[in-house]
Amino acid sequence: MQVGTLFSLLVASLLLLSCDATPPTASDADTKSAGEKMQATDKSAQAEPAVPVYPDSEVEMVLQKVSDHVWFVQGEAGIATDNEGFISNASVIIGDNGIVVVDALGTPSLAQLLISKIRKISDKPFLKVIATHYHADHIYGLQVFQELGAEVLAPVGVHNYLDSPNAMERLEERQFSLEPWVNENTRLVVPDQILDETTTLDLGGVTLTLAYLGAAHSDGDLSVYVEPDGVLISGDIIFEGRIPFVGDANTKQWLDILTRMEAQQMSALIPGHGAMASKPNKVVGLMRNYLEALRNQMSTAVEEMNSFDEAYAEADWSGFEDLPAFNEANRKNAYQVFLSLEAELLEQ
């Protein structure tokens, strides 16, 4: 046999032996080390937060006690991008069975900050988060509560907003104007339950009445009445201490709701914007007066077929021009009401 052939057979034999050989057994020390590494990996995975971590908000947020079962946080008066977007209110109701939050603020970071405040007074589970209506300054925090297991409730009409181009355009704008607190991780949350009639919730020792109000301030609104505390959470049906945002509101329906609210027995009222009212009926009356002034002054112009510019210049705004957000909101509000009254006239 040639030397080359013998050498090839020898190499092949060694390769076969190598493939059949049993791998060397790890020592106890090696096995323990591998186990410890796997255990450490498991612990590391368990230590990761169950929900995303959002950029910290540095705004001042105070959880104010209203009654035995109700707290709220108050945003600053201003336009949507002021104060890191903290311009609206959110309410917290704590019963024996758990926690319900009403409105979720204007960024996930604000919602996360609110949760940290709540956890200082209660470790009960978050059961539900109720959106009184779907406007950006009240809903971008919904995802944070949903990630904690809370069911999202909202009134009929919210899909008019969610399915509109305006919803995504607004989110994209806020991802720029409120960055980093609104960013690519911020999403529009579809409610788990849609309400089209008045509904009650039992939290254990606390009863919530969710009143479906129809299209008033938005395409769909609701309020929450807390018993036995006698506290009404109105959403943006009430703006306290500032000019409201009328937008595409049905001001006729809105006025009807305010008239009914004035007759309701309340110990306190938490508006969608502004301070808690210890004299609720007075606040409701002021809000009703503003909407009535808008409609009365614009209706005269519509009936006489005057232009909007002429109507606005001749209107008397002296009772409201010192309120916060008057310069930013009043002319837009008046124009919207002017257009809606023209539409109402054509429908007659």
C-alpha atoms as a PDB file:
ATOM      1  CA  MET A   1       0.000   0.000   0.000  1.00  0.00           C
ATOM      2  CA  GLN A   2       1.294   3.374  -0.873  1.00  0.00           C
ATOM      3  CA  VAL A   3       2.293   5.767   1.874  1.00  0.00           C
ATOM      4  CA  GLY A   4      -0.219   8.384   0.715  1.00  0.00           C
ATOM      5  CA  THR A   5      -3.073   5.910   0.822  1.00  0.00           C
ATOM      6  CA  LEU A   6      -2.075   4.689   4.319  1.00  0.00           C
ATOM      7  CA  PHE A   7      -1.949   8.258   5.585  1.00  0.00           C
ATOM      8  CA  SER A   8      -5.463   9.001   4.205  1.00  0.00           C
ATOM      9  CA  LEU A   9      -6.939   5.913   5.927  1.00  0.00           C
ATOM     10  CA  LEU A  10      -5.342   6.933   9.212  1.00  0.00           C
ATOM     11  CA  VAL A  11      -6.858  10.434   9.046  1.00  0.00           C
ATOM     12  CA  ALA A  12     -10.318   9.050   8.197  1.00  0.00           C
ATOM     13  CA  SER A  13     -10.159   6.644  11.164  1.00  0.00           C
ATOM     14  CA  LEU A  14      -9.280   9.431  13.532  1.00  0.00           C
ATOM     15  CA  LEU A  15     -12.216  11.565  12.251  1.00  0.00           C
ATOM     16  CA  LEU A  16     -14.683   8.689  12.795  1.00  0.00           C
ATOM     17  CA  LEU A  17     -13.405   8.184  16.330  1.00  0.00           C
ATOM     18  CA  SER A  18     -13.799  11.883  16.980  1.00  0.00           C
ATOM     19  CA  CYS A  19     -17.437  11.920  15.767  1.00  0.00           C
ATOM     20  CA  ASP A  20     -18.464   8.860  17.818  1.00  0.00           C
ATOM     21  CA  ALA A  21     -16.757   9.965  20.974  1.00  0.00           C
ATOM     22  CA  THR A  22     -18.954  11.029  23.944  1.00  0.00           C
ATOM     23  CA  PRO A  23     -18.387  14.713  24.836  1.00  0.00           C
ATOM     24  CA  PRO A  24     -16.424  15.223  27.990  1.00  0.00           C
ATOM     25  CA  THR A  25     -18.620  15.421  31.116  1.00  0.00           C
ATOM     26  CA  ALA A  26     -18.725  18.828  32.753  1.00  0.00           C
ATOM     27  CA  SER A  27     -17.339  19.026  36.228  1.00  0.00           C
ATOM     28  CA  ASP A  28     -19.635  19.913  39.170  1.00  0.00           C
ATOM     29  CA  ALA A  29     -18.116  23.343  39.182  1.00  0.00           C
ATOM     30  CA  ASP A  30     -18.867  23.818  35.482  1.00  0.00           C
ATOM     31  CA  THR A  31     -22.459  22.559  35.896  1.00  0.00           C
ATOM     32  CA  LYS A  32     -23.100  24.837  38.847  1.00  0.00           C
ATOM     33  CA  SER A  33     -21.687  27.759  36.951  1.00  0.00           C
ATOM     34  CA  ALA A  34     -23.974  27.114  33.969  1.00  0.00           C
ATOM     35  CA  GLY A  35     -27.013  26.757  36.252  1.00  0.00           C
ATOM     36  CA  GLU A  36     -26.199  29.950  38.036  1.00  0.00           C
ATOM     37  CA  LYS A  37     -25.903  31.731  34.709  1.00  0.00           C
ATOM     38  CA  MET A  38     -29.324  30.451  33.590  1.00  0.00           C
ATOM     39  CA  GLN A  39     -30.893  31.394  36.926  1.00  0.00           C
ATOM     40  CA  ALA A  40     -29.405  34.878  36.700  1.00  0.00           C
ATOM     41  CA  THR A  41     -30.821  35.238  33.192  1.00  0.00           C
ATOM     42  CA  ASP A  42     -34.290  34.221  34.438  1.00  0.00           C
ATOM     43  CA  LYS A  43     -34.095  36.722  37.293  1.00  0.00           C
ATOM     44  CA  SER A  44     -32.991  39.413  34.892  1.00  0.00           C
ATOM     45  CA  ALA A  45     -35.980  38.697  32.639  1.00  0.00           C
ATOM     46  CA  GLN A  46     -38.338  38.755  35.608  1.00  0.00           C
ATOM     47  CA  ALA A  47     -36.905  42.081  36.754  1.00  0.00           C
ATOM     48  CA  GLU A  48     -37.861  43.817  33.493  1.00  0.00           C
ATOM     49  CA  PRO A  49     -40.904  46.088  33.832  1.00  0.00           C
ATOM     50  CA  ALA A  50     -44.227  44.613  32.747  1.00  0.00           C
ATOM     51  CA  VAL A  51     -45.095  47.843  30.910  1.00  0.00           C
ATOM     52  CA  PRO A  52     -43.008  50.207  28.807  1.00  0.00           C
ATOM     53  CA  VAL A  53     -41.024  52.894  30.587  1.00  0.00           C
ATOM     54  CA  TYR A  54     -42.035  56.351  29.448  1.00  0.00           C
ATOM     55  CA  PRO A  55     -39.946  59.530  29.595  1.00  0.00           C
ATOM     56  CA  ASP A  56     -40.288  61.155  33.009  1.00  0.00           C
ATOM     57  CA  SER A  57     -42.528  64.177  33.301  1.00  0.00           C
ATOM     58  CA  GLU A  58     -41.190  67.003  35.461  1.00  0.00           C
ATOM     59  CA  VAL A  59     -44.430  68.954  35.863  1.00  0.00           C
ATOM     60  CA  GLU A  60     -45.864  69.687  39.268  1.00  0.00           C
ATOM     61  CA  MET A  61     -48.781  67.343  39.879  1.00  0.00           C
ATOM     62  CA  VAL A  62     -50.701  67.292  43.162  1.00  0.00           C
ATOM     63  CA  LEU A  63     -53.270  64.618  43.955  1.00  0.00           C
ATOM     64  CA  GLN A  64     -56.012  66.584  45.726  1.00  0.00           C
ATOM     65  CA  LYS A  65     -58.590  64.909  47.956  1.00  0.00           C
ATOM     66  CA  VAL A  66     -62.173  65.911  47.137  1.00  0.00           C
ATOM     67  CA  SER A  67     -64.201  63.503  49.298  1.00  0.00           C
ATOM     68  CA  ASP A  68     -63.890  60.154  51.068  1.00  0.00           C
ATOM     69  CA  HIS A  69     -63.465  58.253  47.804  1.00  0.00           C
ATOM     70  CA  VAL A  70     -62.509  60.864  45.192  1.00  0.00           C
ATOM     71  CA  TRP A  71     -59.217  62.604  44.322  1.00  0.00           C
ATOM     72  CA  PHE A  72     -58.156  64.598  41.270  1.00  0.00           C
ATOM     73  CA  VAL A  73     -55.194  66.313  39.619  1.00  0.00           C
ATOM     74  CA  GLN A  74     -55.581  69.713  37.996  1.00  0.00           C
ATOM     75  CA  GLY A  75     -53.823  70.782  34.826  1.00  0.00           C
ATOM     76  CA  GLU A  76     -52.763  74.357  34.205  1.00  0.00           C
ATOM     77  CA  ALA A  77     -54.940  76.718  32.186  1.00  0.00           C
ATOM     78  CA  GLY A  78     -53.408  77.089  28.748  1.00  0.00           C
ATOM     79  CA  ILE A  79     -53.191  75.766  25.230  1.00  0.00           C
ATOM     80  CA  ALA A  80     -52.660  72.087  24.469  1.00  0.00           C
ATOM     81  CA  THR A  81     -48.853  72.090  24.416  1.00  0.00           C
ATOM     82  CA  ASP A  82     -48.317  74.164  27.576  1.00  0.00           C
ATOM     83  CA  ASN A  83     -46.971  72.545  30.766  1.00  0.00           C
ATOM     84  CA  GLU A  84     -45.776  69.377  28.964  1.00  0.00           C
ATOM     85  CA  GLY A  85     -49.391  68.881  27.868  1.00  0.00           C
ATOM     86  CA  PHE A  86     -50.733  68.877  31.447  1.00  0.00           C
ATOM     87  CA  ILE A  87     -53.685  71.201  30.873  1.00  0.00           C
ATOM     88  CA  SER A  88     -56.622  68.881  31.634  1.00  0.00           C
ATOM     89  CA  ASN A  89     -57.852  67.170  34.775  1.00  0.00           C
ATOM     90  CA  ALA A  90     -58.016  63.510  35.765  1.00  0.00           C
ATOM     91  CA  SER A  91     -60.034  62.026  38.613  1.00  0.00           C
ATOM     92  CA  VAL A  92     -59.438  58.976  40.794  1.00  0.00           C
ATOM     93  CA  ILE A  93     -62.160  57.002  42.601  1.00  0.00           C
ATOM     94  CA  ILE A  94     -61.171  54.307  45.107  1.00  0.00           C
ATOM     95  CA  GLY A  95     -63.677  51.724  46.322  1.00  0.00           C
ATOM     96  CA  ASP A  96     -63.303  48.513  48.293  1.00  0.00           C
ATOM     97  CA  ASN A  97     -62.785  46.510  45.095  1.00  0.00           C
ATOM     98  CA  GLY A  98     -60.285  48.740  43.329  1.00  0.00           C
ATOM     99  CA  ILE A  99     -59.562  51.978  41.478  1.00  0.00           C
ATOM    100  CA  VAL A 100     -61.295  53.751  38.605  1.00  0.00           C
ATOM    101  CA  VAL A 101     -59.633  56.670  36.803  1.00  0.00           C
ATOM    102  CA  VAL A 102     -61.666  59.216  34.832  1.00  0.00           C
ATOM    103  CA  ASP A 103     -59.721  60.728  31.914  1.00  0.00           C
ATOM    104  CA  ALA A 104     -56.104  59.827  31.325  1.00  0.00           C
ATOM    105  CA  LEU A 105     -54.330  63.151  30.611  1.00  0.00           C
ATOM    106  CA  GLY A 106     -52.479  64.324  27.525  1.00  0.00           C
ATOM    107  CA  THR A 107     -49.341  62.146  27.446  1.00  0.00           C
ATOM    108  CA  PRO A 108     -48.349  58.641  28.590  1.00  0.00           C
ATOM    109  CA  SER A 109     -45.699  60.268  30.783  1.00  0.00           C
ATOM    110  CA  LEU A 110     -48.360  62.278  32.622  1.00  0.00           C
ATOM    111  CA  ALA A 111     -50.407  59.105  33.144  1.00  0.00           C
ATOM    112  CA  GLN A 112     -47.337  57.362  34.512  1.00  0.00           C
ATOM    113  CA  LEU A 113     -46.755  60.266  36.910  1.00  0.00           C
ATOM    114  CA  LEU A 114     -50.399  60.102  38.020  1.00  0.00           C
ATOM    115  CA  ILE A 115     -50.043  56.391  38.753  1.00  0.00           C
ATOM    116  CA  SER A 116     -47.029  57.085  40.960  1.00  0.00           C
ATOM    117  CA  LYS A 117     -49.156  59.582  42.931  1.00  0.00           C
ATOM    118  CA  ILE A 118     -52.018  57.095  43.277  1.00  0.00           C
ATOM    119  CA  ARG A 119     -49.683  54.376  44.505  1.00  0.00           C
ATOM    120  CA  LYS A 120     -48.820  56.564  47.495  1.00  0.00           C
ATOM    121  CA  ILE A 121     -52.404  56.266  48.761  1.00  0.00           C
ATOM    122  CA  SER A 122     -53.542  52.857  47.474  1.00  0.00           C
ATOM    123  CA  ASP A 123     -52.155  49.574  46.163  1.00  0.00           C
ATOM    124  CA  LYS A 124     -55.535  48.344  44.916  1.00  0.00           C
ATOM    125  CA  PRO A 125     -55.848  47.206  41.290  1.00  0.00           C
ATOM    126  CA  PHE A 126     -56.807  49.540  38.476  1.00  0.00           C
ATOM    127  CA  LEU A 127     -60.191  48.248  37.334  1.00  0.00           C
ATOM    128  CA  LYS A 128     -61.301  50.727  34.698  1.00  0.00           C
ATOM    129  CA  VAL A 129     -60.321  53.988  33.053  1.00  0.00           C
ATOM    130  CA  ILE A 130     -63.214  56.069  31.762  1.00  0.00           C
ATOM    131  CA  ALA A 131     -62.778  58.551  28.920  1.00  0.00           C
ATOM    132  CA  THR A 132     -65.430  61.260  29.226  1.00  0.00           C
ATOM    133  CA  HIS A 133     -64.746  62.043  25.561  1.00  0.00           C
ATOM    134  CA  TYR A 134     -62.046  61.558  22.936  1.00  0.00           C
ATOM    135  CA  HIS A 135     -59.904  64.669  22.669  1.00  0.00           C
ATOM    136  CA  ALA A 136     -56.123  64.418  22.621  1.00  0.00           C
ATOM    137  CA  ASP A 137     -55.492  66.158  25.949  1.00  0.00           C
ATOM    138  CA  HIS A 138     -57.579  63.495  27.732  1.00  0.00           C
ATOM    139  CA  ILE A 139     -56.690  60.232  25.953  1.00  0.00           C
ATOM    140  CA  TYR A 140     -52.974  59.830  25.218  1.00  0.00           C
ATOM    141  CA  GLY A 141     -52.454  58.372  28.693  1.00  0.00           C
ATOM    142  CA  LEU A 142     -55.056  55.612  28.200  1.00  0.00           C
ATOM    143  CA  GLN A 143     -52.490  53.096  27.016  1.00  0.00           C
ATOM    144  CA  VAL A 144     -50.616  53.219  30.325  1.00  0.00           C
ATOM    145  CA  PHE A 145     -53.691  52.218  32.348  1.00  0.00           C
ATOM    146  CA  GLN A 146     -54.674  49.603  29.764  1.00  0.00           C
ATOM    147  CA  GLU A 147     -51.211  48.056  30.093  1.00  0.00           C
ATOM    148  CA  LEU A 148     -51.903  47.689  33.835  1.00  0.00           C
ATOM    149  CA  GLY A 149     -55.071  45.713  33.098  1.00  0.00           C
ATOM    150  CA  ALA A 150     -57.693  48.474  33.334  1.00  0.00           C
ATOM    151  CA  GLU A 151     -60.679  48.211  30.992  1.00  0.00           C
ATOM    152  CA  VAL A 152     -61.204  51.325  28.845  1.00  0.00           C
ATOM    153  CA  LEU A 153     -64.761  52.726  28.731  1.00  0.00           C
ATOM    154  CA  ALA A 154     -65.944  55.560  26.469  1.00  0.00           C
ATOM    155  CA  PRO A 155     -69.207  56.941  25.022  1.00  0.00           C
ATOM    156  CA  VAL A 156     -70.668  56.316  21.592  1.00  0.00           C
ATOM    157  CA  GLY A 157     -69.191  58.801  19.160  1.00  0.00           C
ATOM    158  CA  VAL A 158     -65.518  58.177  19.882  1.00  0.00           C
ATOM    159  CA  HIS A 159     -65.129  56.240  16.632  1.00  0.00           C
ATOM    160  CA  ASN A 160     -66.097  59.387  14.748  1.00  0.00           C
ATOM    161  CA  TYR A 161     -62.817  60.748  16.097  1.00  0.00           C
ATOM    162  CA  LEU A 162     -60.724  57.581  15.910  1.00  0.00           C
ATOM    163  CA  ASP A 163     -61.731  56.874  12.306  1.00  0.00           C
ATOM    164  CA  SER A 164     -61.106  60.432  11.139  1.00  0.00           C
ATOM    165  CA  PRO A 165     -57.901  61.720   9.508  1.00  0.00           C
ATOM    166  CA  ASN A 166     -57.799  64.352  12.243  1.00  0.00           C
ATOM    167  CA  ALA A 167     -56.993  61.765  14.923  1.00  0.00           C
ATOM    168  CA  MET A 168     -53.752  60.626  13.303  1.00  0.00           C
ATOM    169  CA  GLU A 169     -52.834  64.128  12.167  1.00  0.00           C
ATOM    170  CA  ARG A 170     -53.210  65.379  15.736  1.00  0.00           C
ATOM    171  CA  LEU A 171     -51.107  62.530  17.094  1.00  0.00           C
ATOM    172  CA  GLU A 172     -48.356  63.232  14.557  1.00  0.00           C
ATOM    173  CA  GLU A 173     -48.434  66.924  15.465  1.00  0.00           C
ATOM    174  CA  ARG A 174     -48.175  66.143  19.194  1.00  0.00           C
ATOM    175  CA  GLN A 175     -45.282  63.758  18.530  1.00  0.00           C
ATOM    176  CA  PHE A 176     -43.487  66.878  17.342  1.00  0.00           C
ATOM    177  CA  SER A 177     -44.837  69.572  19.681  1.00  0.00           C
ATOM    178  CA  LEU A 178     -44.841  67.423  22.857  1.00  0.00           C
ATOM    179  CA  GLU A 179     -41.765  65.319  22.149  1.00  0.00           C
ATOM    180  CA  PRO A 180     -40.446  63.278  24.006  1.00  0.00           C
ATOM    181  CA  TRP A 181     -43.571  62.830  26.169  1.00  0.00           C
ATOM    182  CA  VAL A 182     -45.609  62.016  23.083  1.00  0.00           C
ATOM    183  CA  ASN A 183     -43.495  59.937  20.725  1.00  0.00           C
ATOM    184  CA  GLU A 184     -43.551  57.003  18.307  1.00  0.00           C
ATOM    185  CA  ASN A 185     -44.668  54.689  21.140  1.00  0.00           C
ATOM    186  CA  THR A 186     -47.810  56.740  21.798  1.00  0.00           C
ATOM    187  CA  ARG A 187     -50.875  55.158  20.237  1.00  0.00           C
ATOM    188  CA  LEU A 188     -54.589  55.751  19.880  1.00  0.00           C
ATOM    189  CA  VAL A 189     -56.479  53.372  22.174  1.00  0.00           C
ATOM    190  CA  VAL A 190     -59.740  51.803  21.015  1.00  0.00           C
ATOM    191  CA  PRO A 191     -62.160  51.467  23.970  1.00  0.00           C
ATOM    192  CA  ASP A 192     -62.902  48.012  25.343  1.00  0.00           C
ATOM    193  CA  GLN A 193     -66.504  49.022  26.011  1.00  0.00           C
ATOM    194  CA  ILE A 194     -68.669  51.647  24.277  1.00  0.00           C
ATOM    195  CA  LEU A 195     -71.534  53.195  26.268  1.00  0.00           C
ATOM    196  CA  ASP A 196     -74.732  54.402  24.589  1.00  0.00           C
ATOM    197  CA  GLU A 197     -76.877  54.702  27.709  1.00  0.00           C
ATOM    198  CA  THR A 198     -76.551  55.558  31.376  1.00  0.00           C
ATOM    199  CA  THR A 199     -74.666  52.804  33.239  1.00  0.00           C
ATOM    200  CA  THR A 200     -73.814  52.141  36.898  1.00  0.00           C
ATOM    201  CA  LEU A 201     -70.668  50.580  38.338  1.00  0.00           C
ATOM    202  CA  ASP A 202     -70.309  49.136  41.832  1.00  0.00           C
ATOM    203  CA  LEU A 203     -66.787  49.547  43.237  1.00  0.00           C
ATOM    204  CA  GLY A 204     -67.647  48.207  46.659  1.00  0.00           C
ATOM    205  CA  GLY A 205     -69.041  50.910  48.920  1.00  0.00           C
ATOM    206  CA  VAL A 206     -69.011  53.355  45.996  1.00  0.00           C
ATOM    207  CA  THR A 207     -71.452  53.575  43.091  1.00  0.00           C
ATOM    208  CA  LEU A 208     -70.625  55.359  39.840  1.00  0.00           C
ATOM    209  CA  THR A 209     -73.341  56.573  37.491  1.00  0.00           C
ATOM    210  CA  LEU A 210     -71.968  57.032  33.985  1.00  0.00           C
ATOM    211  CA  ALA A 211     -74.437  59.324  32.218  1.00  0.00           C
ATOM    212  CA  TYR A 212     -74.321  59.205  28.425  1.00  0.00           C
ATOM    213  CA  LEU A 213     -74.788  62.814  27.280  1.00  0.00           C
ATOM    214  CA  GLY A 214     -74.649  62.403  23.509  1.00  0.00           C
ATOM    215  CA  ALA A 215     -72.826  64.789  21.189  1.00  0.00           C
ATOM    216  CA  ALA A 216     -72.235  68.061  23.012  1.00  0.00           C
ATOM    217  CA  HIS A 217     -68.654  69.215  23.555  1.00  0.00           C
ATOM    218  CA  SER A 218     -67.436  66.400  21.291  1.00  0.00           C
ATOM    219  CA  ASP A 219     -68.886  63.620  19.119  1.00  0.00           C
ATOM    220  CA  GLY A 220     -69.719  61.772  22.321  1.00  0.00           C
ATOM    221  CA  ASP A 221     -69.647  62.871  25.973  1.00  0.00           C
ATOM    222  CA  LEU A 222     -70.393  61.363  29.339  1.00  0.00           C
ATOM    223  CA  SER A 223     -70.240  62.420  32.967  1.00  0.00           C
ATOM    224  CA  VAL A 224     -69.572  60.400  36.131  1.00  0.00           C
ATOM    225  CA  TYR A 225     -71.520  60.874  39.365  1.00  0.00           C
ATOM    226  CA  VAL A 226     -70.000  59.366  42.529  1.00  0.00           C
ATOM    227  CA  GLU A 227     -72.231  58.181  45.372  1.00  0.00           C
ATOM    228  CA  PRO A 228     -72.425  58.481  48.336  1.00  0.00           C
ATOM    229  CA  ASP A 229     -69.956  61.378  47.928  1.00  0.00           C
ATOM    230  CA  GLY A 230     -72.200  63.523  45.703  1.00  0.00           C
ATOM    231  CA  VAL A 231     -69.298  64.416  43.382  1.00  0.00           C
ATOM    232  CA  LEU A 232     -69.901  65.037  39.684  1.00  0.00           C
ATOM    233  CA  ILE A 233     -67.025  64.564  37.211  1.00  0.00           C
ATOM    234  CA  SER A 234     -68.177  66.488  34.155  1.00  0.00           C
ATOM    235  CA  GLY A 235     -65.428  66.106  31.573  1.00  0.00           C
ATOM    236  CA  ASP A 236     -65.250  69.045  29.173  1.00  0.00           C
ATOM    237  CA  ILE A 237     -68.933  69.799  29.516  1.00  0.00           C
ATOM    238  CA  ILE A 238     -67.540  72.169  32.156  1.00  0.00           C
ATOM    239  CA  PHE A 239     -64.428  74.376  31.872  1.00  0.00           C
ATOM    240  CA  GLU A 240     -63.874  76.217  35.144  1.00  0.00           C
ATOM    241  CA  GLY A 241     -62.031  79.531  35.238  1.00  0.00           C
ATOM    242  CA  ARG A 242     -61.196  79.668  31.533  1.00  0.00           C
ATOM    243  CA  ILE A 243     -62.748  79.927  28.096  1.00  0.00           C
ATOM    244  CA  PRO A 244     -63.774  76.470  26.836  1.00  0.00           C
ATOM    245  CA  PHE A 245     -62.768  74.900  23.551  1.00  0.00           C
ATOM    246  CA  VAL A 246     -65.962  74.656  21.523  1.00  0.00           C
ATOM    247  CA  GLY A 247     -64.474  73.017  18.425  1.00  0.00           C
ATOM    248  CA  ASP A 248     -67.185  71.198  16.482  1.00  0.00           C
ATOM    249  CA  ALA A 249     -69.493  71.013  19.501  1.00  0.00           C
ATOM    250  CA  ASN A 250     -73.252  70.835  19.365  1.00  0.00           C
ATOM    251  CA  THR A 251     -73.814  73.912  21.529  1.00  0.00           C
ATOM    252  CA  LYS A 252     -77.593  73.484  21.513  1.00  0.00           C
ATOM    253  CA  GLN A 253     -77.281  70.008  23.049  1.00  0.00           C
ATOM    254  CA  TRP A 254     -74.548  71.270  25.347  1.00  0.00           C
ATOM    255  CA  LEU A 255     -76.801  74.014  26.727  1.00  0.00           C
ATOM    256  CA  ASP A 256     -79.600  71.501  27.367  1.00  0.00           C
ATOM    257  CA  ILE A 257     -77.185  69.342  29.384  1.00  0.00           C
ATOM    258  CA  LEU A 258     -75.976  72.315  31.440  1.00  0.00           C
ATOM    259  CA  THR A 259     -79.568  73.283  32.235  1.00  0.00           C
ATOM    260  CA  ARG A 260     -80.190  69.772  33.602  1.00  0.00           C
ATOM    261  CA  MET A 261     -76.910  69.815  35.531  1.00  0.00           C
ATOM    262  CA  GLU A 262     -77.885  73.024  37.304  1.00  0.00           C
ATOM    263  CA  ALA A 263     -80.821  71.185  38.849  1.00  0.00           C
ATOM    264  CA  GLN A 264     -78.675  68.301  40.133  1.00  0.00           C
ATOM    265  CA  GLN A 265     -77.680  68.033  43.801  1.00  0.00           C
ATOM    266  CA  MET A 266     -73.882  68.063  44.025  1.00  0.00           C
ATOM    267  CA  SER A 267     -71.423  68.533  46.872  1.00  0.00           C
ATOM    268  CA  ALA A 268     -68.534  69.161  44.454  1.00  0.00           C
ATOM    269  CA  LEU A 269     -67.839  69.253  40.740  1.00  0.00           C
ATOM    270  CA  ILE A 270     -64.597  68.273  39.007  1.00  0.00           C
ATOM    271  CA  PRO A 271     -64.510  69.886  35.553  1.00  0.00           C
ATOM    272  CA  GLY A 272     -62.512  68.763  32.547  1.00  0.00           C
ATOM    273  CA  HIS A 273     -60.356  71.871  32.983  1.00  0.00           C
ATOM    274  CA  GLY A 274     -59.911  74.148  35.957  1.00  0.00           C
ATOM    275  CA  ALA A 275     -60.296  73.977  39.718  1.00  0.00           C
ATOM    276  CA  MET A 276     -62.672  71.763  41.647  1.00  0.00           C
ATOM    277  CA  ALA A 277     -65.891  73.655  42.332  1.00  0.00           C
ATOM    278  CA  SER A 278     -67.269  73.589  45.860  1.00  0.00           C
ATOM    279  CA  LYS A 279     -70.255  75.581  44.546  1.00  0.00           C
ATOM    280  CA  PRO A 280     -71.036  73.446  41.488  1.00  0.00           C
ATOM    281  CA  ASN A 281     -74.277  75.069  40.442  1.00  0.00           C
ATOM    282  CA  LYS A 282     -72.605  78.489  40.189  1.00  0.00           C
ATOM    283  CA  VAL A 283     -69.887  77.089  37.900  1.00  0.00           C
ATOM    284  CA  VAL A 284     -72.449  75.328  35.704  1.00  0.00           C
ATOM    285  CA  GLY A 285     -74.365  78.594  35.467  1.00  0.00           C
ATOM    286  CA  LEU A 286     -71.312  80.556  34.341  1.00  0.00           C
ATOM    287  CA  MET A 287     -70.572  77.971  31.662  1.00  0.00           C
ATOM    288  CA  ARG A 288     -74.152  78.098  30.473  1.00  0.00           C
ATOM    289  CA  ASN A 289     -73.982  81.902  30.352  1.00  0.00           C
ATOM    290  CA  TYR A 290     -70.947  81.788  28.058  1.00  0.00           C
ATOM    291  CA  LEU A 291     -72.513  79.369  25.600  1.00  0.00           C
ATOM    292  CA  GLU A 292     -75.751  81.356  25.637  1.00  0.00           C
ATOM    293  CA  ALA A 293     -73.798  84.553  24.902  1.00  0.00           C
ATOM    294  CA  LEU A 294     -72.081  82.879  21.957  1.00  0.00           C
ATOM    295  CA  ARG A 295     -75.334  81.632  20.499  1.00  0.00           C
ATOM    296  CA  ASN A 296     -77.362  84.778  21.167  1.00  0.00           C
ATOM    297  CA  GLN A 297     -74.815  87.186  19.680  1.00  0.00           C
ATOM    298  CA  MET A 298     -74.099  85.054  16.642  1.00  0.00           C
ATOM    299  CA  SER A 299     -77.743  84.142  16.016  1.00  0.00           C
ATOM    300  CA  THR A 300     -78.698  87.793  15.550  1.00  0.00           C
ATOM    301  CA  ALA A 301     -76.030  88.149  12.873  1.00  0.00           C
ATOM    302  CA  VAL A 302     -77.128  84.949  11.124  1.00  0.00           C
ATOM    303  CA  GLU A 303     -80.768  85.993  11.104  1.00  0.00           C
ATOM    304  CA  GLU A 304     -79.854  89.430   9.688  1.00  0.00           C
ATOM    305  CA  MET A 305     -77.401  87.815   7.218  1.00  0.00           C
ATOM    306  CA  ASN A 306     -74.457  89.838   8.500  1.00  0.00           C
ATOM    307  CA  SER A 307     -70.906  88.654   7.970  1.00  0.00           C
ATOM    308  CA  PHE A 308     -69.056  86.907  10.784  1.00  0.00           C
ATOM    309  CA  ASP A 309     -66.383  89.627  10.993  1.00  0.00           C
ATOM    310  CA  GLU A 310     -69.076  92.267  11.416  1.00  0.00           C
ATOM    311  CA  ALA A 311     -70.914  90.164  13.995  1.00  0.00           C
ATOM    312  CA  TYR A 312     -67.806  89.484  16.042  1.00  0.00           C
ATOM    313  CA  ALA A 313     -66.715  93.115  16.066  1.00  0.00           C
ATOM    314  CA  GLU A 314     -70.129  94.271  17.273  1.00  0.00           C
ATOM    315  CA  ALA A 315     -70.512  91.578  19.966  1.00  0.00           C
ATOM    316  CA  ASP A 316     -70.057  92.375  23.653  1.00  0.00           C
ATOM    317  CA  TRP A 317     -67.407  90.075  25.152  1.00  0.00           C
ATOM    318  CA  SER A 318     -66.748  92.167  28.262  1.00  0.00           C
ATOM    319  CA  GLY A 319     -68.045  89.484  30.609  1.00  0.00           C
ATOM    320  CA  PHE A 320     -65.509  86.932  29.409  1.00  0.00           C
ATOM    321  CA  GLU A 321     -62.458  88.698  27.945  1.00  0.00           C
ATOM    322  CA  ASP A 322     -60.503  88.574  31.218  1.00  0.00           C
ATOM    323  CA  LEU A 323     -60.732  84.769  31.428  1.00  0.00           C
ATOM    324  CA  PRO A 324     -57.684  82.637  30.568  1.00  0.00           C
ATOM    325  CA  ALA A 325     -57.550  81.411  26.945  1.00  0.00           C
ATOM    326  CA  PHE A 326     -59.991  84.113  25.762  1.00  0.00           C
ATOM    327  CA  ASN A 327     -57.577  85.442  23.114  1.00  0.00           C
ATOM    328  CA  GLU A 328     -56.715  81.940  21.900  1.00  0.00           C
ATOM    329  CA  ALA A 329     -60.214  80.439  21.858  1.00  0.00           C
ATOM    330  CA  ASN A 330     -63.053  82.948  21.780  1.00  0.00           C
ATOM    331  CA  ARG A 331     -62.959  84.040  18.137  1.00  0.00           C
ATOM    332  CA  LYS A 332     -62.661  80.416  16.976  1.00  0.00           C
ATOM    333  CA  ASN A 333     -65.551  79.467  19.245  1.00  0.00           C
ATOM    334  CA  ALA A 334     -67.712  82.277  17.923  1.00  0.00           C
ATOM    335  CA  TYR A 335     -66.974  81.342  14.311  1.00  0.00           C
ATOM    336  CA  GLN A 336     -67.871  77.699  14.925  1.00  0.00           C
ATOM    337  CA  VAL A 337     -71.147  78.721  16.556  1.00  0.00           C
ATOM    338  CA  PHE A 338     -71.844  81.152  13.673  1.00  0.00           C
ATOM    339  CA  LEU A 339     -71.455  78.300  11.155  1.00  0.00           C
ATOM    340  CA  SER A 340     -73.542  75.877  13.224  1.00  0.00           C
ATOM    341  CA  LEU A 341     -76.369  78.429  13.549  1.00  0.00           C
ATOM    342  CA  GLU A 342     -76.354  78.897   9.778  1.00  0.00           C
ATOM    343  CA  ALA A 343     -76.697  75.115   9.434  1.00  0.00           C
ATOM    344  CA  GLU A 344     -79.539  75.057  11.990  1.00  0.00           C
ATOM    345  CA  LEU A 345     -81.332  77.830  10.078  1.00  0.00           C
ATOM    346  CA  LEU A 346     -81.096  75.875   6.810  1.00  0.00           C
ATOM    347  CA  GLU A 347     -82.540  72.764   8.494  1.00  0.00           C
ATOM    348  CA  GLN A 348     -85.698  74.590   9.565  1.00  0.00           C
END
